[in-house]
Amino acid sequence: MSRVTKSQLADAVGVPELDLDDARPDIEYDDQGRIVEWG
């Protein structure tokens, strides 16, 4: 399974990384800041 960082996800969908902070309760990150689970 490939993991992505918040910055990579924000770049891929064309939104500022700060917008992802609103979704923080629904997104889980590993120790390196990579998204491991959401929703």
PDB file of N, CA and C in Angstrom:
ATOM      1  N   MET A   1       0.846  -1.164   0.000  1.00  0.00           N
ATOM      2  CA  MET A   1       0.000   0.000   0.000  1.00  0.00           C
ATOM      3  C   MET A   1       0.900   1.238   0.000  1.00  0.00           C
ATOM      4  N   SER A   2       0.583   2.165  -0.862  1.00  0.00           N
ATOM      5  CA  SER A   2       1.328   3.413  -0.951  1.00  0.00           C
ATOM      6  C   SER A   2       0.707   4.451  -0.024  1.00  0.00           C
ATOM      7  N   ARG A   3       1.529   5.204   0.664  1.00  0.00           N
ATOM      8  CA  ARG A   3       1.037   6.239   1.576  1.00  0.00           C
ATOM      9  C   ARG A   3       1.474   7.599   1.061  1.00  0.00           C
ATOM     10  N   VAL A   4       0.659   8.594   1.310  1.00  0.00           N
ATOM     11  CA  VAL A   4       0.963   9.946   0.855  1.00  0.00           C
ATOM     12  C   VAL A   4       0.979  10.905   2.037  1.00  0.00           C
ATOM     13  N   THR A   5       1.693  12.007   1.870  1.00  0.00           N
ATOM     14  CA  THR A   5       1.718  13.038   2.903  1.00  0.00           C
ATOM     15  C   THR A   5       0.572  14.012   2.670  1.00  0.00           C
ATOM     16  N   LYS A   6       0.306  14.856   3.655  1.00  0.00           N
ATOM     17  CA  LYS A   6      -0.721  15.890   3.497  1.00  0.00           C
ATOM     18  C   LYS A   6      -0.379  16.803   2.332  1.00  0.00           C
ATOM     19  N   SER A   7       0.887  17.151   2.194  1.00  0.00           N
ATOM     20  CA  SER A   7       1.302  18.039   1.101  1.00  0.00           C
ATOM     21  C   SER A   7       1.055  17.396  -0.255  1.00  0.00           C
ATOM     22  N   GLN A   8       1.372  16.108  -0.394  1.00  0.00           N
ATOM     23  CA  GLN A   8       1.152  15.407  -1.657  1.00  0.00           C
ATOM     24  C   GLN A   8      -0.331  15.350  -1.993  1.00  0.00           C
ATOM     25  N   LEU A   9      -1.171  15.092  -1.007  1.00  0.00           N
ATOM     26  CA  LEU A   9      -2.610  15.038  -1.242  1.00  0.00           C
ATOM     27  C   LEU A   9      -3.137  16.407  -1.644  1.00  0.00           C
ATOM     28  N   ALA A  10      -2.715  17.440  -0.937  1.00  0.00           N
ATOM     29  CA  ALA A  10      -3.160  18.795  -1.259  1.00  0.00           C
ATOM     30  C   ALA A  10      -2.749  19.170  -2.678  1.00  0.00           C
ATOM     31  N   ASP A  11      -1.510  18.853  -3.062  1.00  0.00           N
ATOM     32  CA  ASP A  11      -1.043  19.135  -4.419  1.00  0.00           C
ATOM     33  C   ASP A  11      -1.861  18.372  -5.454  1.00  0.00           C
ATOM     34  N   ALA A  12      -2.182  17.124  -5.159  1.00  0.00           N
ATOM     35  CA  ALA A  12      -2.907  16.287  -6.118  1.00  0.00           C
ATOM     36  C   ALA A  12      -4.320  16.797  -6.388  1.00  0.00           C
ATOM     37  N   VAL A  13      -4.963  17.356  -5.375  1.00  0.00           N
ATOM     38  CA  VAL A  13      -6.336  17.833  -5.553  1.00  0.00           C
ATOM     39  C   VAL A  13      -6.420  19.339  -5.755  1.00  0.00           C
ATOM     40  N   GLY A  14      -5.263  20.009  -5.714  1.00  0.00           N
ATOM     41  CA  GLY A  14      -5.228  21.432  -6.013  1.00  0.00           C
ATOM     42  C   GLY A  14      -5.793  22.340  -4.940  1.00  0.00           C
ATOM     43  N   VAL A  15      -5.589  21.972  -3.678  1.00  0.00           N
ATOM     44  CA  VAL A  15      -6.038  22.830  -2.580  1.00  0.00           C
ATOM     45  C   VAL A  15      -4.843  23.157  -1.688  1.00  0.00           C
ATOM     46  N   PRO A  16      -4.909  24.294  -0.993  1.00  0.00           N
ATOM     47  CA  PRO A  16      -3.840  24.597  -0.037  1.00  0.00           C
ATOM     48  C   PRO A  16      -3.819  23.558   1.077  1.00  0.00           C
ATOM     49  N   GLU A  17      -2.651  23.243   1.571  1.00  0.00           N
ATOM     50  CA  GLU A  17      -2.533  22.241   2.629  1.00  0.00           C
ATOM     51  C   GLU A  17      -3.340  22.628   3.864  1.00  0.00           C
ATOM     52  N   LEU A  18      -3.474  23.904   4.139  1.00  0.00           N
ATOM     53  CA  LEU A  18      -4.226  24.341   5.311  1.00  0.00           C
ATOM     54  C   LEU A  18      -5.676  23.886   5.271  1.00  0.00           C
ATOM     55  N   ASP A  19      -6.254  23.739   4.089  1.00  0.00           N
ATOM     56  CA  ASP A  19      -7.634  23.282   3.975  1.00  0.00           C
ATOM     57  C   ASP A  19      -7.812  21.871   4.526  1.00  0.00           C
ATOM     58  N   LEU A  20      -6.755  21.080   4.535  1.00  0.00           N
ATOM     59  CA  LEU A  20      -6.848  19.712   5.040  1.00  0.00           C
ATOM     60  C   LEU A  20      -7.012  19.686   6.554  1.00  0.00           C
ATOM     61  N   ASP A  21      -6.632  20.766   7.238  1.00  0.00           N
ATOM     62  CA  ASP A  21      -6.765  20.793   8.688  1.00  0.00           C
ATOM     63  C   ASP A  21      -8.217  20.695   9.127  1.00  0.00           C
ATOM     64  N   ASP A  22      -9.146  21.175   8.305  1.00  0.00           N
ATOM     65  CA  ASP A  22     -10.568  21.055   8.637  1.00  0.00           C
ATOM     66  C   ASP A  22     -11.012  19.601   8.679  1.00  0.00           C
ATOM     67  N   ALA A  23     -10.351  18.746   7.932  1.00  0.00           N
ATOM     68  CA  ALA A  23     -10.713  17.330   7.870  1.00  0.00           C
ATOM     69  C   ALA A  23      -9.955  16.501   8.903  1.00  0.00           C
ATOM     70  N   ARG A  24      -9.102  17.137   9.666  1.00  0.00           N
ATOM     71  CA  ARG A  24      -8.228  16.420  10.596  1.00  0.00           C
ATOM     72  C   ARG A  24      -8.938  15.367  11.451  1.00  0.00           C
ATOM     73  N   PRO A  25     -10.127  15.617  12.013  1.00  0.00           N
ATOM     74  CA  PRO A  25     -10.753  14.582  12.830  1.00  0.00           C
ATOM     75  C   PRO A  25     -11.045  13.290  12.052  1.00  0.00           C
ATOM     76  N   ASP A  26     -11.176  13.388  10.735  1.00  0.00           N
ATOM     77  CA  ASP A  26     -11.486  12.221   9.918  1.00  0.00           C
ATOM     78  C   ASP A  26     -10.256  11.599   9.270  1.00  0.00           C
ATOM     79  N   ILE A  27      -9.078  12.168   9.490  1.00  0.00           N
ATOM     80  CA  ILE A  27      -7.861  11.663   8.864  1.00  0.00           C
ATOM     81  C   ILE A  27      -6.882  11.244   9.947  1.00  0.00           C
ATOM     82  N   GLU A  28      -6.332  10.027   9.803  1.00  0.00           N
ATOM     83  CA  GLU A  28      -5.316   9.554  10.740  1.00  0.00           C
ATOM     84  C   GLU A  28      -3.971   9.520  10.029  1.00  0.00           C
ATOM     85  N   TYR A  29      -2.921   9.942  10.758  1.00  0.00           N
ATOM     86  CA  TYR A  29      -1.579  10.031  10.199  1.00  0.00           C
ATOM     87  C   TYR A  29      -0.625   9.123  10.961  1.00  0.00           C
ATOM     88  N   ASP A  30       0.435   8.654  10.268  1.00  0.00           N
ATOM     89  CA  ASP A  30       1.468   7.898  10.963  1.00  0.00           C
ATOM     90  C   ASP A  30       2.489   8.877  11.536  1.00  0.00           C
ATOM     91  N   ASP A  31       3.557   8.359  12.151  1.00  0.00           N
ATOM     92  CA  ASP A  31       4.557   9.206  12.801  1.00  0.00           C
ATOM     93  C   ASP A  31       5.304  10.111  11.827  1.00  0.00           C
ATOM     94  N   GLN A  32       5.288   9.774  10.537  1.00  0.00           N
ATOM     95  CA  GLN A  32       5.981  10.578   9.535  1.00  0.00           C
ATOM     96  C   GLN A  32       5.039  11.542   8.819  1.00  0.00           C
ATOM     97  N   GLY A  33       3.800  11.649   9.296  1.00  0.00           N
ATOM     98  CA  GLY A  33       2.843  12.581   8.719  1.00  0.00           C
ATOM     99  C   GLY A  33       2.124  12.074   7.488  1.00  0.00           C
ATOM    100  N   ARG A  34       2.248  10.776   7.194  1.00  0.00           N
ATOM    101  CA  ARG A  34       1.562  10.198   6.041  1.00  0.00           C
ATOM    102  C   ARG A  34       0.155   9.770   6.432  1.00  0.00           C
ATOM    103  N   ILE A  35      -0.771   9.952   5.524  1.00  0.00           N
ATOM    104  CA  ILE A  35      -2.155   9.558   5.773  1.00  0.00           C
ATOM    105  C   ILE A  35      -2.244   8.038   5.737  1.00  0.00           C
ATOM    106  N   VAL A  36      -2.830   7.462   6.788  1.00  0.00           N
ATOM    107  CA  VAL A  36      -2.976   6.013   6.843  1.00  0.00           C
ATOM    108  C   VAL A  36      -4.435   5.571   6.849  1.00  0.00           C
ATOM    109  N   GLU A  37      -5.350   6.481   7.196  1.00  0.00           N
ATOM    110  CA  GLU A  37      -6.771   6.127   7.229  1.00  0.00           C
ATOM    111  C   GLU A  37      -7.598   7.403   7.218  1.00  0.00           C
ATOM    112  N   TRP A  38      -8.771   7.345   6.619  1.00  0.00           N
ATOM    113  CA  TRP A  38      -9.664   8.504   6.615  1.00  0.00           C
ATOM    114  C   TRP A  38     -11.100   8.040   6.537  1.00  0.00           C
ATOM    115  N   GLY A  39     -11.993   8.953   6.867  1.00  0.00           N
ATOM    116  CA  GLY A  39     -13.419   8.693   6.722  1.00  0.00           C
ATOM    117  C   GLY A  39     -14.106   8.104   7.887  1.00  0.00           C
TER     118      GLY A  39
END
